[in-house]
Amino acid sequence: MPCLFAIGALITPRLVIAVLWIFTDFFGGIFDTILWPVLGFFFLPTTLLWYTAVQHWYGGEFSGIVPIAGIVIALMIDVSPAGSKRKKKKER
């Protein structure tokens, strides 16, 4: 089951965030305000998922290779210009 969520998080991160928010307490107690999860949902969903996973699994410590590499990869996925390349192909 966790592997399915990981694959789903890469394909449709906003759907995974919504499912986790509704059915679990995965985001509970991590953020002081609702602002950061909402901004993460709209602008950096993969990064929000990884940040929350690090808070749960690594105790919030970004001191190892895995948490740092994961956040860099998540940011690269979120900020990648892949969406604009797809739009250009459709216009031609």
C-alpha atoms as a PDB file:
ATOM      1  CA  MET A   1       0.000   0.000   0.000  1.00  0.00           C
ATOM      2  CA  PRO A   2       2.745   2.566   0.756  1.00  0.00           C
ATOM      3  CA  CYS A   3       4.275   1.876  -2.663  1.00  0.00           C
ATOM      4  CA  LEU A   4       0.960   2.710  -4.322  1.00  0.00           C
ATOM      5  CA  PHE A   5       0.853   6.045  -2.480  1.00  0.00           C
ATOM      6  CA  ALA A   6       4.434   6.787  -3.556  1.00  0.00           C
ATOM      7  CA  ILE A   7       3.630   6.086  -7.196  1.00  0.00           C
ATOM      8  CA  GLY A   8       0.406   8.066  -6.905  1.00  0.00           C
ATOM      9  CA  ALA A   9       2.273  10.954  -5.304  1.00  0.00           C
ATOM     10  CA  LEU A  10       4.536  11.227  -8.325  1.00  0.00           C
ATOM     11  CA  ILE A  11       1.672  10.974 -10.808  1.00  0.00           C
ATOM     12  CA  THR A  12      -1.020  13.013  -9.067  1.00  0.00           C
ATOM     13  CA  PRO A  13       0.356  14.627  -5.908  1.00  0.00           C
ATOM     14  CA  ARG A  14      -2.690  16.842  -5.321  1.00  0.00           C
ATOM     15  CA  LEU A  15      -4.997  13.821  -5.284  1.00  0.00           C
ATOM     16  CA  VAL A  16      -2.749  12.049  -2.768  1.00  0.00           C
ATOM     17  CA  ILE A  17      -2.689  15.173  -0.573  1.00  0.00           C
ATOM     18  CA  ALA A  18      -6.479  15.364  -0.643  1.00  0.00           C
ATOM     19  CA  VAL A  19      -6.866  11.658   0.215  1.00  0.00           C
ATOM     20  CA  LEU A  20      -4.343  11.901   3.054  1.00  0.00           C
ATOM     21  CA  TRP A  21      -5.966  15.090   4.378  1.00  0.00           C
ATOM     22  CA  ILE A  22      -9.472  13.579   4.385  1.00  0.00           C
ATOM     23  CA  PHE A  23      -8.807  10.031   5.573  1.00  0.00           C
ATOM     24  CA  THR A  24      -5.702  10.273   7.796  1.00  0.00           C
ATOM     25  CA  ASP A  25      -3.973  12.524  10.304  1.00  0.00           C
ATOM     26  CA  PHE A  26      -0.791  12.723   8.207  1.00  0.00           C
ATOM     27  CA  PHE A  27      -0.706  16.539   8.203  1.00  0.00           C
ATOM     28  CA  GLY A  28      -1.921  16.978  11.778  1.00  0.00           C
ATOM     29  CA  GLY A  29       0.302  18.883  14.190  1.00  0.00           C
ATOM     30  CA  ILE A  30       3.024  19.704  11.663  1.00  0.00           C
ATOM     31  CA  PHE A  31       1.931  23.153  10.555  1.00  0.00           C
ATOM     32  CA  ASP A  32       0.957  25.984  12.912  1.00  0.00           C
ATOM     33  CA  THR A  33      -1.358  27.565  10.376  1.00  0.00           C
ATOM     34  CA  ILE A  34      -3.446  26.338   7.447  1.00  0.00           C
ATOM     35  CA  LEU A  35      -1.695  28.791   5.089  1.00  0.00           C
ATOM     36  CA  TRP A  36       1.402  26.675   4.354  1.00  0.00           C
ATOM     37  CA  PRO A  37      -0.400  23.446   3.432  1.00  0.00           C
ATOM     38  CA  VAL A  38      -2.817  25.349   1.186  1.00  0.00           C
ATOM     39  CA  LEU A  39       0.030  27.170  -0.585  1.00  0.00           C
ATOM     40  CA  GLY A  40       1.909  23.879  -0.894  1.00  0.00           C
ATOM     41  CA  PHE A  41      -1.164  22.195  -2.352  1.00  0.00           C
ATOM     42  CA  PHE A  42      -1.449  24.771  -5.138  1.00  0.00           C
ATOM     43  CA  PHE A  43       2.193  25.626  -5.887  1.00  0.00           C
ATOM     44  CA  LEU A  44       4.539  22.825  -4.678  1.00  0.00           C
ATOM     45  CA  PRO A  45       2.517  19.650  -4.015  1.00  0.00           C
ATOM     46  CA  THR A  46       5.361  17.132  -4.293  1.00  0.00           C
ATOM     47  CA  THR A  47       7.546  19.235  -2.006  1.00  0.00           C
ATOM     48  CA  LEU A  48       4.704  19.489   0.522  1.00  0.00           C
ATOM     49  CA  LEU A  49       4.354  15.702   0.541  1.00  0.00           C
ATOM     50  CA  TRP A  50       8.083  15.162   1.012  1.00  0.00           C
ATOM     51  CA  TYR A  51       8.383  17.811   3.734  1.00  0.00           C
ATOM     52  CA  THR A  52       5.518  16.192   5.622  1.00  0.00           C
ATOM     53  CA  ALA A  53       7.056  12.734   5.163  1.00  0.00           C
ATOM     54  CA  VAL A  54      10.362  13.965   6.603  1.00  0.00           C
ATOM     55  CA  GLN A  55       8.510  15.432   9.585  1.00  0.00           C
ATOM     56  CA  HIS A  56       6.923  12.039  10.258  1.00  0.00           C
ATOM     57  CA  TRP A  57       9.647   9.557   9.344  1.00  0.00           C
ATOM     58  CA  TYR A  58      12.859  11.441  10.136  1.00  0.00           C
ATOM     59  CA  GLY A  59      11.623  13.529  13.059  1.00  0.00           C
ATOM     60  CA  GLY A  60      11.930  16.744  11.052  1.00  0.00           C
ATOM     61  CA  GLU A  61      15.719  16.411  10.702  1.00  0.00           C
ATOM     62  CA  PHE A  62      17.116  17.415   7.326  1.00  0.00           C
ATOM     63  CA  SER A  63      20.601  16.261   8.307  1.00  0.00           C
ATOM     64  CA  GLY A  64      20.967  13.113   6.216  1.00  0.00           C
ATOM     65  CA  ILE A  65      21.429  12.371   2.534  1.00  0.00           C
ATOM     66  CA  VAL A  66      17.929  10.976   1.992  1.00  0.00           C
ATOM     67  CA  PRO A  67      15.924  13.958   3.325  1.00  0.00           C
ATOM     68  CA  ILE A  68      18.061  16.513   1.504  1.00  0.00           C
ATOM     69  CA  ALA A  69      18.144  14.560  -1.762  1.00  0.00           C
ATOM     70  CA  GLY A  70      14.397  14.018  -1.516  1.00  0.00           C
ATOM     71  CA  ILE A  71      13.613  17.699  -1.052  1.00  0.00           C
ATOM     72  CA  VAL A  72      15.874  18.641  -3.975  1.00  0.00           C
ATOM     73  CA  ILE A  73      14.205  16.059  -6.235  1.00  0.00           C
ATOM     74  CA  ALA A  74      10.729  17.147  -5.095  1.00  0.00           C
ATOM     75  CA  LEU A  75      11.553  20.784  -5.858  1.00  0.00           C
ATOM     76  CA  MET A  76      12.909  19.810  -9.271  1.00  0.00           C
ATOM     77  CA  ILE A  77       9.689  17.911 -10.038  1.00  0.00           C
ATOM     78  CA  ASP A  78       7.498  20.815  -8.907  1.00  0.00           C
ATOM     79  CA  VAL A  79       9.438  23.554 -10.677  1.00  0.00           C
ATOM     80  CA  SER A  80      10.250  21.642 -13.873  1.00  0.00           C
ATOM     81  CA  PRO A  81       9.028  23.271 -17.078  1.00  0.00           C
ATOM     82  CA  ALA A  82       7.484  20.016 -18.363  1.00  0.00           C
ATOM     83  CA  GLY A  83       3.996  21.499 -18.389  1.00  0.00           C
ATOM     84  CA  SER A  84       4.945  24.338 -20.735  1.00  0.00           C
ATOM     85  CA  LYS A  85       6.611  21.918 -23.174  1.00  0.00           C
ATOM     86  CA  ARG A  86       3.405  19.888 -23.380  1.00  0.00           C
ATOM     87  CA  LYS A  87       1.371  23.002 -24.168  1.00  0.00           C
ATOM     88  CA  LYS A  88       3.744  24.005 -26.967  1.00  0.00           C
ATOM     89  CA  LYS A  89       3.426  20.584 -28.635  1.00  0.00           C
ATOM     90  CA  LYS A  90      -0.362  20.867 -28.675  1.00  0.00           C
ATOM     91  CA  GLU A  91      -0.247  24.293 -30.370  1.00  0.00           C
ATOM     92  CA  ARG A  92       1.788  23.069 -33.334  1.00  0.00           C
END
